[in-house]
C-alpha atoms as a PDB file:
ATOM      1  CA  UNK A   1      13.839  -3.830  14.642  1.00  0.00           C
ATOM      2  CA  UNK A   2      13.491  -5.978  17.699  1.00  0.00           C
ATOM      3  CA  UNK A   3      12.254  -9.597  18.311  1.00  0.00           C
ATOM      4  CA  UNK A   4       9.119 -11.484  17.755  1.00  0.00           C
ATOM      5  CA  UNK A   5       5.869  -9.802  18.838  1.00  0.00           C
ATOM      6  CA  UNK A   6       6.985  -6.250  18.838  1.00  0.00           C
ATOM      7  CA  UNK A   7       4.155  -4.054  17.507  1.00  0.00           C
ATOM      8  CA  UNK A   8       6.463  -1.579  15.870  1.00  0.00           C
ATOM      9  CA  UNK A   9       8.113  -4.219  13.620  1.00  0.00           C
ATOM     10  CA  UNK A  10       5.470  -3.552  10.872  1.00  0.00           C
ATOM     11  CA  UNK A  11       4.659  -0.021  11.535  1.00  0.00           C
ATOM     12  CA  UNK A  12       6.453   1.376   8.508  1.00  0.00           C
ATOM     13  CA  UNK A  13       4.869  -1.053   6.162  1.00  0.00           C
ATOM     14  CA  UNK A  14       1.431  -0.669   7.619  1.00  0.00           C
ATOM     15  CA  UNK A  15       1.763   3.145   7.155  1.00  0.00           C
ATOM     16  CA  UNK A  16       2.845   2.716   3.652  1.00  0.00           C
ATOM     17  CA  UNK A  17      -0.090   0.563   2.749  1.00  0.00           C
ATOM     18  CA  UNK A  18      -2.565   2.804   4.550  1.00  0.00           C
ATOM     19  CA  UNK A  19      -1.219   5.819   2.586  1.00  0.00           C
ATOM     20  CA  UNK A  20      -1.359   3.816  -0.708  1.00  0.00           C
ATOM     21  CA  UNK A  21      -5.056   2.903  -0.070  1.00  0.00           C
ATOM     22  CA  UNK A  22      -6.010   6.387   0.911  1.00  0.00           C
ATOM     23  CA  UNK A  23      -4.183   8.120  -1.891  1.00  0.00           C
ATOM     24  CA  UNK A  24      -4.726   5.689  -4.885  1.00  0.00           C
ATOM     25  CA  UNK A  25      -7.071   2.767  -4.315  1.00  0.00           C
ATOM     26  CA  UNK A  26     -10.099   4.248  -2.481  1.00  0.00           C
ATOM     27  CA  UNK A  27     -10.310   7.138  -4.866  1.00  0.00           C
ATOM     28  CA  UNK A  28     -10.989   5.126  -8.096  1.00  0.00           C
ATOM     29  CA  UNK A  29     -12.869   2.191  -9.272  1.00  0.00           C
ATOM     30  CA  UNK A  30     -11.022  -0.343 -11.408  1.00  0.00           C
ATOM     31  CA  UNK A  31     -12.196  -2.242 -14.276  1.00  0.00           C
ATOM     32  CA  UNK A  32      -9.339  -4.682 -14.698  1.00  0.00           C
ATOM     33  CA  UNK A  33      -6.511  -5.986 -12.580  1.00  0.00           C
ATOM     34  CA  UNK A  34      -4.125  -4.721 -15.181  1.00  0.00           C
ATOM     35  CA  UNK A  35      -5.181  -1.196 -14.484  1.00  0.00           C
ATOM     36  CA  UNK A  36      -4.422  -1.577 -10.854  1.00  0.00           C
ATOM     37  CA  UNK A  37      -1.058  -3.083 -11.531  1.00  0.00           C
ATOM     38  CA  UNK A  38       0.022  -0.208 -13.682  1.00  0.00           C
ATOM     39  CA  UNK A  39      -1.297   2.358 -11.236  1.00  0.00           C
ATOM     40  CA  UNK A  40       0.460   0.714  -8.439  1.00  0.00           C
ATOM     41  CA  UNK A  41       3.729   0.539 -10.468  1.00  0.00           C
ATOM     42  CA  UNK A  42       3.399   4.282 -11.277  1.00  0.00           C
ATOM     43  CA  UNK A  43       2.629   5.298  -7.708  1.00  0.00           C
ATOM     44  CA  UNK A  44       5.540   3.498  -6.234  1.00  0.00           C
ATOM     45  CA  UNK A  45       8.140   4.630  -8.736  1.00  0.00           C
END
C-alpha cells in the first residue's frame, strides 16, 4: 500500500464490507444485536 490519500488503500476492506452486507446483512431482519454478532462471527469464520 502506498501513502496517505491513495484511493486504493481501503479497496480490499471496502470490498469485504460490501460483500458482507450484500450476502448477509441486507437479506435478513434482526431482532437483537446478539443475533447479528453470532451471524457475523459465523460468516467470517
